[in-house]
Amino acid sequence: MTSRIVLASRSPRRKEILEKLGLVFEIDPPEIDETPRERENPLSYVQRIAAAKADKVALRHEQQCVVIAADTTVALDGEIFGQPRDVDEARRMIQKLSKKSHSVHTAVSVRFDGKSANGFDTASVMMREVTPELLEWYLATGESMGKAGAYAVQGQGAALVA
């Protein structure tokens, strides 16, 4: 018997990854509070959010279903940069990251048959000096919305990385 796979995310990038693996899956994005706790470490935060997403979706499906959830956050000097709420917040995030090395944390959480498996990875990214012209060009692409830290290194945001 083949287990159903459920992606607990609305991220187009995560969907694309599973499709490239040739997996057949359904999408069931959870609604959870992603507010960081006071003084929460960015790595602890991203692991907590990924686990909460997996737990919430696993409760909606039978145990013989594989639930995959993930979360990514950008951190600079302990400050968590989630997804910007609007273009002004995206602008402020990119300006703070300009000419600085920062961390990108991704956590994954899998639920199956009442068991869980969790993992994470951290990358160090150096953002180049983002001139006002480059910043406005990038913001005009619309790519910054829905991305942790307001940029997508796998897209046009690669132009922001040193």
C-alpha atoms as a PDB file:
ATOM      1  CA  MET A   1       0.000   0.000   0.000  1.00  0.00           C
ATOM      2  CA  THR A   2       1.334   3.425  -0.948  1.00  0.00           C
ATOM      3  CA  SER A   3       0.915   6.200   1.592  1.00  0.00           C
ATOM      4  CA  ARG A   4      -0.588   9.510   0.603  1.00  0.00           C
ATOM      5  CA  ILE A   5       1.764  12.477   0.786  1.00  0.00           C
ATOM      6  CA  VAL A   6       0.504  15.837   1.971  1.00  0.00           C
ATOM      7  CA  LEU A   7       2.536  19.018   1.643  1.00  0.00           C
ATOM      8  CA  ALA A   8       1.657  21.300   4.551  1.00  0.00           C
ATOM      9  CA  SER A   9       2.564  24.469   2.676  1.00  0.00           C
ATOM     10  CA  ARG A  10       1.331  26.917   0.069  1.00  0.00           C
ATOM     11  CA  SER A  11       4.903  27.686  -1.036  1.00  0.00           C
ATOM     12  CA  PRO A  12       5.304  27.390  -4.815  1.00  0.00           C
ATOM     13  CA  ARG A  13       8.994  26.559  -4.275  1.00  0.00           C
ATOM     14  CA  ARG A  14       8.256  23.607  -1.959  1.00  0.00           C
ATOM     15  CA  LYS A  15       5.618  22.350  -4.421  1.00  0.00           C
ATOM     16  CA  GLU A  16       8.175  22.590  -7.218  1.00  0.00           C
ATOM     17  CA  ILE A  17      10.734  20.577  -5.217  1.00  0.00           C
ATOM     18  CA  LEU A  18       8.307  17.692  -4.638  1.00  0.00           C
ATOM     19  CA  GLU A  19       7.238  17.769  -8.293  1.00  0.00           C
ATOM     20  CA  LYS A  20      10.879  17.560  -9.415  1.00  0.00           C
ATOM     21  CA  LEU A  21      11.217  14.472  -7.231  1.00  0.00           C
ATOM     22  CA  GLY A  22       8.338  12.935  -9.172  1.00  0.00           C
ATOM     23  CA  LEU A  23       6.131  12.627  -6.096  1.00  0.00           C
ATOM     24  CA  VAL A  24       2.354  12.566  -6.231  1.00  0.00           C
ATOM     25  CA  PHE A  25       1.017  14.685  -3.395  1.00  0.00           C
ATOM     26  CA  GLU A  26      -1.750  16.951  -2.263  1.00  0.00           C
ATOM     27  CA  ILE A  27      -1.451  20.385  -0.713  1.00  0.00           C
ATOM     28  CA  ASP A  28      -3.063  21.248   2.625  1.00  0.00           C
ATOM     29  CA  PRO A  29      -1.620  24.497   3.973  1.00  0.00           C
ATOM     30  CA  PRO A  30      -2.129  25.067   7.702  1.00  0.00           C
ATOM     31  CA  GLU A  31      -3.194  28.312   9.302  1.00  0.00           C
ATOM     32  CA  ILE A  32      -0.981  28.859  12.338  1.00  0.00           C
ATOM     33  CA  ASP A  33       0.289  31.826  14.305  1.00  0.00           C
ATOM     34  CA  GLU A  34       3.833  32.438  13.071  1.00  0.00           C
ATOM     35  CA  THR A  35       4.603  35.243  15.513  1.00  0.00           C
ATOM     36  CA  PRO A  36       8.055  34.809  17.074  1.00  0.00           C
ATOM     37  CA  ARG A  37       8.081  34.476  20.847  1.00  0.00           C
ATOM     38  CA  GLU A  38       9.845  37.109  22.887  1.00  0.00           C
ATOM     39  CA  ARG A  39      13.643  36.602  22.663  1.00  0.00           C
ATOM     40  CA  GLU A  40      13.142  33.422  20.599  1.00  0.00           C
ATOM     41  CA  ASN A  41      16.271  32.164  18.879  1.00  0.00           C
ATOM     42  CA  PRO A  42      15.815  32.191  15.055  1.00  0.00           C
ATOM     43  CA  LEU A  43      16.759  28.514  14.688  1.00  0.00           C
ATOM     44  CA  SER A  44      14.393  27.467  17.494  1.00  0.00           C
ATOM     45  CA  TYR A  45      11.708  29.609  15.891  1.00  0.00           C
ATOM     46  CA  VAL A  46      11.952  28.019  12.447  1.00  0.00           C
ATOM     47  CA  GLN A  47      11.977  24.507  13.946  1.00  0.00           C
ATOM     48  CA  ARG A  48       8.927  25.299  16.097  1.00  0.00           C
ATOM     49  CA  ILE A  49       6.985  26.684  13.133  1.00  0.00           C
ATOM     50  CA  ALA A  50       7.775  23.718  10.854  1.00  0.00           C
ATOM     51  CA  ALA A  51       6.710  21.283  13.596  1.00  0.00           C
ATOM     52  CA  ALA A  52       3.506  23.236  14.296  1.00  0.00           C
ATOM     53  CA  LYS A  53       2.593  23.166  10.598  1.00  0.00           C
ATOM     54  CA  ALA A  54       3.172  19.404  10.401  1.00  0.00           C
ATOM     55  CA  ASP A  55       1.240  18.729  13.607  1.00  0.00           C
ATOM     56  CA  LYS A  56      -1.760  20.803  12.538  1.00  0.00           C
ATOM     57  CA  VAL A  57      -2.052  19.132   9.135  1.00  0.00           C
ATOM     58  CA  ALA A  58      -1.379  15.628  10.512  1.00  0.00           C
ATOM     59  CA  LEU A  59      -4.417  16.004  12.771  1.00  0.00           C
ATOM     60  CA  ARG A  60      -6.596  16.490   9.674  1.00  0.00           C
ATOM     61  CA  HIS A  61      -5.418  13.294   7.939  1.00  0.00           C
ATOM     62  CA  GLU A  62      -5.238   9.593   8.731  1.00  0.00           C
ATOM     63  CA  GLN A  63      -2.081   8.193  10.310  1.00  0.00           C
ATOM     64  CA  GLN A  64      -0.979   6.364   7.162  1.00  0.00           C
ATOM     65  CA  CYS A  65      -0.468   9.710   5.472  1.00  0.00           C
ATOM     66  CA  VAL A  66       2.981  11.319   5.173  1.00  0.00           C
ATOM     67  CA  VAL A  67       2.805  15.004   6.090  1.00  0.00           C
ATOM     68  CA  ILE A  68       5.725  17.218   5.067  1.00  0.00           C
ATOM     69  CA  ALA A  69       6.078  20.754   6.425  1.00  0.00           C
ATOM     70  CA  ALA A  70       8.903  23.258   6.286  1.00  0.00           C
ATOM     71  CA  ASP A  71       9.683  26.816   7.200  1.00  0.00           C
ATOM     72  CA  THR A  72      12.454  29.235   6.298  1.00  0.00           C
ATOM     73  CA  THR A  73      13.539  32.375   8.070  1.00  0.00           C
ATOM     74  CA  VAL A  74      16.314  34.888   7.621  1.00  0.00           C
ATOM     75  CA  ALA A  75      18.175  36.147  10.685  1.00  0.00           C
ATOM     76  CA  LEU A  76      20.580  39.008  11.265  1.00  0.00           C
ATOM     77  CA  ASP A  77      22.085  39.573  14.705  1.00  0.00           C
ATOM     78  CA  GLY A  78      19.309  37.516  16.301  1.00  0.00           C
ATOM     79  CA  GLU A  79      16.515  39.431  14.543  1.00  0.00           C
ATOM     80  CA  ILE A  80      14.041  37.229  12.684  1.00  0.00           C
ATOM     81  CA  PHE A  81      13.065  38.370   9.188  1.00  0.00           C
ATOM     82  CA  GLY A  82       9.895  36.608   8.117  1.00  0.00           C
ATOM     83  CA  GLN A  83       7.808  37.395   5.072  1.00  0.00           C
ATOM     84  CA  PRO A  84       7.212  41.108   4.581  1.00  0.00           C
ATOM     85  CA  ARG A  85       3.650  42.341   5.034  1.00  0.00           C
ATOM     86  CA  ASP A  86       4.028  44.996   2.343  1.00  0.00           C
ATOM     87  CA  VAL A  87       6.572  46.548  -0.029  1.00  0.00           C
ATOM     88  CA  ASP A  88       7.692  49.111   2.564  1.00  0.00           C
ATOM     89  CA  GLU A  89       8.582  46.352   5.015  1.00  0.00           C
ATOM     90  CA  ALA A  90      10.364  44.478   2.199  1.00  0.00           C
ATOM     91  CA  ARG A  91      12.379  47.619   1.449  1.00  0.00           C
ATOM     92  CA  ARG A  92      13.383  47.981   5.124  1.00  0.00           C
ATOM     93  CA  MET A  93      14.414  44.322   5.353  1.00  0.00           C
ATOM     94  CA  ILE A  94      16.628  44.459   2.272  1.00  0.00           C
ATOM     95  CA  GLN A  95      18.181  47.740   3.419  1.00  0.00           C
ATOM     96  CA  LYS A  96      19.074  46.127   6.772  1.00  0.00           C
ATOM     97  CA  LEU A  97      20.595  43.089   5.027  1.00  0.00           C
ATOM     98  CA  SER A  98      22.568  45.155   2.487  1.00  0.00           C
ATOM     99  CA  LYS A  99      26.350  44.616   2.786  1.00  0.00           C
ATOM    100  CA  LYS A 100      25.875  42.084   5.589  1.00  0.00           C
ATOM    101  CA  SER A 101      26.282  38.386   6.109  1.00  0.00           C
ATOM    102  CA  HIS A 102      23.157  36.803   7.538  1.00  0.00           C
ATOM    103  CA  SER A 103      21.776  33.339   8.239  1.00  0.00           C
ATOM    104  CA  VAL A 104      19.033  31.550   6.347  1.00  0.00           C
ATOM    105  CA  HIS A 105      17.500  28.783   8.461  1.00  0.00           C
ATOM    106  CA  THR A 106      15.228  26.116   6.987  1.00  0.00           C
ATOM    107  CA  ALA A 107      13.556  23.443   9.084  1.00  0.00           C
ATOM    108  CA  VAL A 108      11.581  20.455   7.851  1.00  0.00           C
ATOM    109  CA  SER A 109       9.176  18.345   9.864  1.00  0.00           C
ATOM    110  CA  VAL A 110       7.606  15.062   8.736  1.00  0.00           C
ATOM    111  CA  ARG A 111       4.750  13.152  10.375  1.00  0.00           C
ATOM    112  CA  PHE A 112       3.819   9.545   9.601  1.00  0.00           C
ATOM    113  CA  ASP A 113       1.987   6.905  11.592  1.00  0.00           C
ATOM    114  CA  GLY A 114       2.176   8.910  14.809  1.00  0.00           C
ATOM    115  CA  LYS A 115       5.923   9.398  14.496  1.00  0.00           C
ATOM    116  CA  SER A 116       7.890  12.515  13.651  1.00  0.00           C
ATOM    117  CA  ALA A 117      11.204  13.315  12.026  1.00  0.00           C
ATOM    118  CA  ASN A 118      12.695  16.782  12.062  1.00  0.00           C
ATOM    119  CA  GLY A 119      15.745  18.405  10.539  1.00  0.00           C
ATOM    120  CA  PHE A 120      17.206  21.753   9.672  1.00  0.00           C
ATOM    121  CA  ASP A 121      19.916  23.451   7.675  1.00  0.00           C
ATOM    122  CA  THR A 122      21.526  26.851   7.987  1.00  0.00           C
ATOM    123  CA  ALA A 123      23.228  28.770   5.213  1.00  0.00           C
ATOM    124  CA  SER A 124      25.307  31.899   5.568  1.00  0.00           C
ATOM    125  CA  VAL A 125      24.519  34.435   2.850  1.00  0.00           C
ATOM    126  CA  MET A 126      26.397  37.635   2.047  1.00  0.00           C
ATOM    127  CA  MET A 127      24.231  40.321   0.524  1.00  0.00           C
ATOM    128  CA  ARG A 128      25.990  42.773  -1.737  1.00  0.00           C
ATOM    129  CA  GLU A 129      25.597  46.512  -1.356  1.00  0.00           C
ATOM    130  CA  VAL A 130      22.071  47.088  -2.568  1.00  0.00           C
ATOM    131  CA  THR A 131      21.935  50.475  -4.277  1.00  0.00           C
ATOM    132  CA  PRO A 132      18.654  52.403  -4.318  1.00  0.00           C
ATOM    133  CA  GLU A 133      18.313  51.601  -8.030  1.00  0.00           C
ATOM    134  CA  LEU A 134      18.875  47.877  -7.516  1.00  0.00           C
ATOM    135  CA  LEU A 135      16.487  47.857  -4.572  1.00  0.00           C
ATOM    136  CA  GLU A 136      13.678  49.560  -6.489  1.00  0.00           C
ATOM    137  CA  TRP A 137      14.244  47.291  -9.506  1.00  0.00           C
ATOM    138  CA  TYR A 138      13.994  44.206  -7.300  1.00  0.00           C
ATOM    139  CA  LEU A 139      10.941  45.427  -5.420  1.00  0.00           C
ATOM    140  CA  ALA A 140       9.232  46.142  -8.758  1.00  0.00           C
ATOM    141  CA  THR A 141       9.585  42.447  -9.696  1.00  0.00           C
ATOM    142  CA  GLY A 142       7.165  41.575  -6.891  1.00  0.00           C
ATOM    143  CA  GLU A 143       9.375  38.644  -5.959  1.00  0.00           C
ATOM    144  CA  SER A 144      10.099  39.953  -2.454  1.00  0.00           C
ATOM    145  CA  MET A 145       6.556  39.352  -1.261  1.00  0.00           C
ATOM    146  CA  GLY A 146       5.992  35.974   0.353  1.00  0.00           C
ATOM    147  CA  LYS A 147       9.721  35.374   0.854  1.00  0.00           C
ATOM    148  CA  ALA A 148      11.524  35.251   4.190  1.00  0.00           C
ATOM    149  CA  GLY A 149      13.889  38.203   4.347  1.00  0.00           C
ATOM    150  CA  ALA A 150      12.130  39.724   1.307  1.00  0.00           C
ATOM    151  CA  TYR A 151      14.309  38.022  -1.309  1.00  0.00           C
ATOM    152  CA  ALA A 152      14.506  34.765  -3.248  1.00  0.00           C
ATOM    153  CA  VAL A 153      18.074  33.678  -3.943  1.00  0.00           C
ATOM    154  CA  GLN A 154      16.811  31.078  -6.445  1.00  0.00           C
ATOM    155  CA  GLY A 155      15.118  33.819  -8.473  1.00  0.00           C
ATOM    156  CA  GLN A 156      15.905  37.376  -9.453  1.00  0.00           C
ATOM    157  CA  GLY A 157      16.979  37.975  -5.859  1.00  0.00           C
ATOM    158  CA  ALA A 158      20.258  36.289  -6.807  1.00  0.00           C
ATOM    159  CA  ALA A 159      21.262  39.757  -8.048  1.00  0.00           C
ATOM    160  CA  LEU A 160      21.296  40.905  -4.402  1.00  0.00           C
ATOM    161  CA  VAL A 161      23.756  38.253  -3.234  1.00  0.00           C
ATOM    162  CA  ALA A 162      27.519  38.759  -3.290  1.00  0.00           C
END
